[in-house]
Protein backbone atom coordinates (compact mmCIF):
# COMPACT_ATOMS: atom_id res chain seq x y z
CA UNK A 1 -32.68 -7.27 2.63
CA UNK A 2 -33.91 -4.36 0.02
CA UNK A 3 -30.62 -3.78 -1.46
CA UNK A 4 -28.17 -6.73 -1.79
CA UNK A 5 -25.15 -4.38 -1.89
CA UNK A 6 -25.80 -2.69 1.62
CA UNK A 7 -24.10 -4.24 4.66
CA UNK A 8 -25.09 -2.84 7.97
CA UNK A 9 -22.28 -3.33 10.33
CA UNK A 10 -22.26 -2.93 14.29
CA UNK A 11 -20.32 0.19 15.32
CA UNK A 12 -19.73 1.10 18.58
CA UNK A 13 -22.49 3.50 18.61
CA UNK A 14 -25.08 1.06 17.34
CA UNK A 15 -23.92 -1.68 19.77
CA UNK A 16 -24.26 0.72 22.83
CA UNK A 17 -27.66 1.76 21.53
CA UNK A 18 -28.69 -2.01 20.83
CA UNK A 19 -27.46 -3.06 24.34
CA UNK A 20 -29.22 -0.25 26.09
CA UNK A 21 -32.38 0.12 24.24
CA UNK A 22 -33.00 -3.52 24.77
CA UNK A 23 -32.27 -3.31 28.52
CA UNK A 24 -34.56 -0.19 28.83
CA UNK A 25 -37.30 -2.10 26.90
CA UNK A 26 -37.75 -5.01 29.42
CA UNK A 27 -40.53 -4.49 32.08
CA UNK A 28 -39.06 -4.18 35.44
CA UNK A 29 -40.88 -6.49 37.79
CA UNK A 30 -40.34 -7.50 41.59
CA UNK A 31 -38.15 -10.40 40.27
CA UNK A 32 -35.78 -8.21 38.46
CA UNK A 33 -35.72 -4.72 39.83
CA UNK A 34 -32.51 -5.22 41.77
CA UNK A 35 -30.57 -7.11 39.24
CA UNK A 36 -31.84 -5.87 35.54
CA UNK A 37 -30.10 -2.44 35.64
CA UNK A 38 -26.93 -2.34 37.82
CA UNK A 39 -24.27 0.23 38.41
CA UNK A 40 -22.37 -0.66 35.01
CA UNK A 41 -25.48 -0.23 32.93
CA UNK A 42 -26.05 2.97 34.61
CA UNK A 43 -22.41 4.18 33.82
CA UNK A 44 -22.74 3.38 30.25
CA UNK A 45 -26.18 4.96 29.96
CA UNK A 46 -24.65 8.18 31.57
CA UNK A 47 -21.94 8.22 28.93
CA UNK A 48 -24.60 7.45 26.27
CA UNK A 49 -26.49 10.53 27.29
CA UNK A 50 -23.49 12.62 26.90
CA UNK A 51 -23.02 11.33 23.45
CA UNK A 52 -26.46 11.76 22.15
CA UNK A 53 -28.17 8.82 23.49
CA UNK A 54 -30.67 10.91 25.48
CA UNK A 55 -32.39 12.20 22.42
CA UNK A 56 -32.31 8.75 20.67
CA UNK A 57 -34.14 7.24 23.79
CA UNK A 58 -36.61 9.91 23.77
CA UNK A 59 -37.38 9.42 20.24
CA UNK A 60 -37.50 5.66 20.69
CA UNK A 61 -40.03 5.93 23.48
CA UNK A 62 -42.42 8.00 21.49
CA UNK A 63 -42.58 5.10 18.82
CA UNK A 64 -45.34 2.69 18.92
CA UNK A 65 -44.25 -0.61 20.46
CA UNK A 66 -44.29 -2.38 17.12
CA UNK A 67 -41.80 -0.02 15.57
CA UNK A 68 -39.49 -0.04 18.58
CA UNK A 69 -39.49 -3.91 18.30
CA UNK A 70 -38.78 -3.43 14.50
CA UNK A 71 -35.81 -1.43 15.16
CA UNK A 72 -34.58 -3.71 18.08
CA UNK A 73 -34.86 -6.56 15.49
CA UNK A 74 -33.00 -4.48 12.73
CA UNK A 75 -30.19 -3.78 15.04
CA UNK A 76 -29.95 -7.39 15.85
CA UNK A 77 -29.13 -7.91 12.28
CA UNK A 78 -25.95 -5.96 12.28
CA UNK A 79 -22.91 -8.09 11.59
CA UNK A 80 -19.45 -7.55 12.98
CA UNK A 81 -17.87 -7.75 9.63
CA UNK A 82 -18.70 -8.82 6.03
CA UNK A 83 -16.39 -10.32 3.45
CA UNK A 84 -17.05 -9.70 -0.11
CA UNK A 85 -15.18 -10.03 -3.53
CA UNK A 86 -15.73 -7.34 -6.29
CA UNK A 87 -13.80 -7.13 -9.50
CA UNK A 88 -11.73 -10.32 -8.21
CA UNK A 89 -10.57 -8.32 -5.19
CA UNK A 90 -11.38 -9.50 -1.55
CA UNK A 91 -12.75 -7.12 0.97
CA UNK A 92 -13.22 -7.17 4.65
CA UNK A 93 -15.65 -4.62 5.84
CA UNK A 94 -15.75 -3.95 9.49
CA UNK A 95 -16.52 -0.79 11.75
CA UNK A 96 -13.26 -0.35 13.61
CA UNK A 97 -10.79 -3.04 12.73
CA UNK A 98 -9.64 -6.47 13.41
CA UNK A 99 -8.28 -8.10 16.51
CA UNK A 100 -4.38 -7.93 16.25
CA UNK A 101 -4.05 -11.62 15.57
CA UNK A 102 -6.89 -11.86 12.96
CA UNK A 103 -6.69 -14.58 10.35
CA UNK A 104 -8.49 -14.06 7.18
CA UNK A 105 -10.19 -17.60 7.34
CA UNK A 106 -11.01 -17.50 11.22
CA UNK A 107 -12.71 -14.21 11.57
CA UNK A 108 -15.88 -15.97 12.85
CA UNK A 109 -14.09 -17.12 15.98
CA UNK A 110 -13.87 -13.72 17.27
CA UNK A 111 -16.14 -11.93 19.43
CA UNK A 112 -18.47 -8.74 18.11
CA UNK A 113 -16.73 -6.44 20.48
CA UNK A 114 -13.29 -7.34 18.92
CA UNK A 115 -14.42 -5.63 15.75
CA UNK A 116 -16.40 -3.04 17.09
CA UNK A 117 -13.70 -1.55 19.31
CA UNK A 118 -10.51 -2.96 17.84
CA UNK A 119 -7.37 -0.58 17.39
CA UNK A 120 -6.46 -0.92 13.75
CA UNK A 121 -2.61 -0.81 13.22
CA UNK A 122 -2.67 1.03 9.96
CA UNK A 123 1.10 0.59 9.43
CA UNK A 124 0.48 -3.30 9.27
CA UNK A 125 -0.75 -5.18 6.34
CA UNK A 126 -3.21 -7.47 7.76
CA UNK A 127 -3.98 -9.64 4.78
CA UNK A 128 -1.62 -9.28 1.50
CA UNK A 129 -4.67 -11.01 -0.64
CA UNK A 130 -7.55 -8.70 0.79
CA UNK A 131 -8.27 -5.15 1.67
CA UNK A 132 -9.41 -4.04 4.94
CA UNK A 133 -12.15 -1.37 4.81
CA UNK A 134 -12.82 0.30 8.34
CA UNK A 135 -14.42 3.48 9.70
CA UNK A 136 -14.29 4.78 13.34
CA UNK A 137 -10.89 6.07 13.31
CA UNK A 138 -10.93 9.72 11.55
CA UNK A 139 -8.33 9.55 8.89
CA UNK A 140 -6.44 12.66 10.13
CA UNK A 141 -5.60 10.75 13.17
CA UNK A 142 -3.88 7.74 11.19
CA UNK A 143 -1.80 10.56 9.58
CA UNK A 144 -2.42 14.43 9.11
CA UNK A 145 -1.75 14.26 5.66
CA UNK A 146 -5.23 12.34 5.15
CA UNK A 147 -7.45 15.07 6.90
CA UNK A 148 -10.67 15.12 4.93
CA UNK A 149 -9.58 12.22 2.66
CA UNK A 150 -9.80 8.51 2.63
CA UNK A 151 -6.82 6.69 3.52
CA UNK A 152 -5.40 4.04 1.23
CA UNK A 153 -2.22 2.19 2.16
CA UNK A 154 -0.89 -1.31 3.28
CA UNK A 155 -4.22 -2.90 2.05
CA UNK A 156 -6.09 -0.58 4.43
CA UNK A 157 -9.00 1.61 3.13
CA UNK A 158 -10.06 3.78 5.99
CA UNK A 159 -13.18 5.78 5.08
CA UNK A 160 -14.01 7.97 8.25
CA UNK A 161 -12.85 11.12 6.96
CA UNK A 162 -13.97 13.27 10.11
CA UNK A 163 -17.43 14.43 9.13
CA UNK A 164 -18.60 14.23 12.85
CA UNK A 165 -15.75 16.93 13.30
CA UNK A 166 -16.86 19.06 10.24
CA UNK A 167 -14.62 17.18 8.02
CA UNK A 168 -15.87 15.59 4.59
CA UNK A 169 -18.18 12.62 4.47
CA UNK A 170 -16.69 10.00 2.32
CA UNK A 171 -17.71 7.08 0.34
CA UNK A 172 -15.44 4.41 -1.54
CA UNK A 173 -16.84 2.63 -4.74
CA UNK A 174 -15.59 -0.86 -4.84
CA UNK A 175 -16.56 -1.39 -8.35
CA UNK A 176 -14.62 1.57 -9.56
CA UNK A 177 -11.89 2.45 -6.75
CA UNK A 178 -13.40 5.88 -6.93
CA UNK A 179 -13.54 8.28 -3.84
CA UNK A 180 -16.58 10.31 -3.33
CA UNK A 181 -16.73 13.46 -0.69
CA UNK A 182 -19.43 15.70 0.41
């Protein structure tokens, strides 16, 4: 890893891209043509295409084979969560959230999809000794007063301030507790 303070976390869009790009990179043969891409894969592919996946796939196909393999390997390195300590504070970083019954010392027992698609309850304090940092849910959907702002309450730090919908792109500095917006 080139930067020790950068953690690529698996999000729902990354997960779907990784699954589909891996599926679509396999050569179709007489042995697998009836089973490799089934109806459920086609449904996911159709949904992905409506969400920008067609452009991604077209660009991916134009790359040399070694670049495509590098991208697939890079996506495989994404983790569902990271736990870090900064300035004597513990943080759990994940894309969407944690399973409802998550325990700080047992996070490794959960499945990748638990972190990628979890519905975080922002009214609940999951851990009294750790902060949960999430994206995925635009903060305005947590509470309208947090439109275009980072949500900080109940040991949650939700940083998706709705950039995809024209809101601010936000960043939170763990070392200084400062918020930044573009």
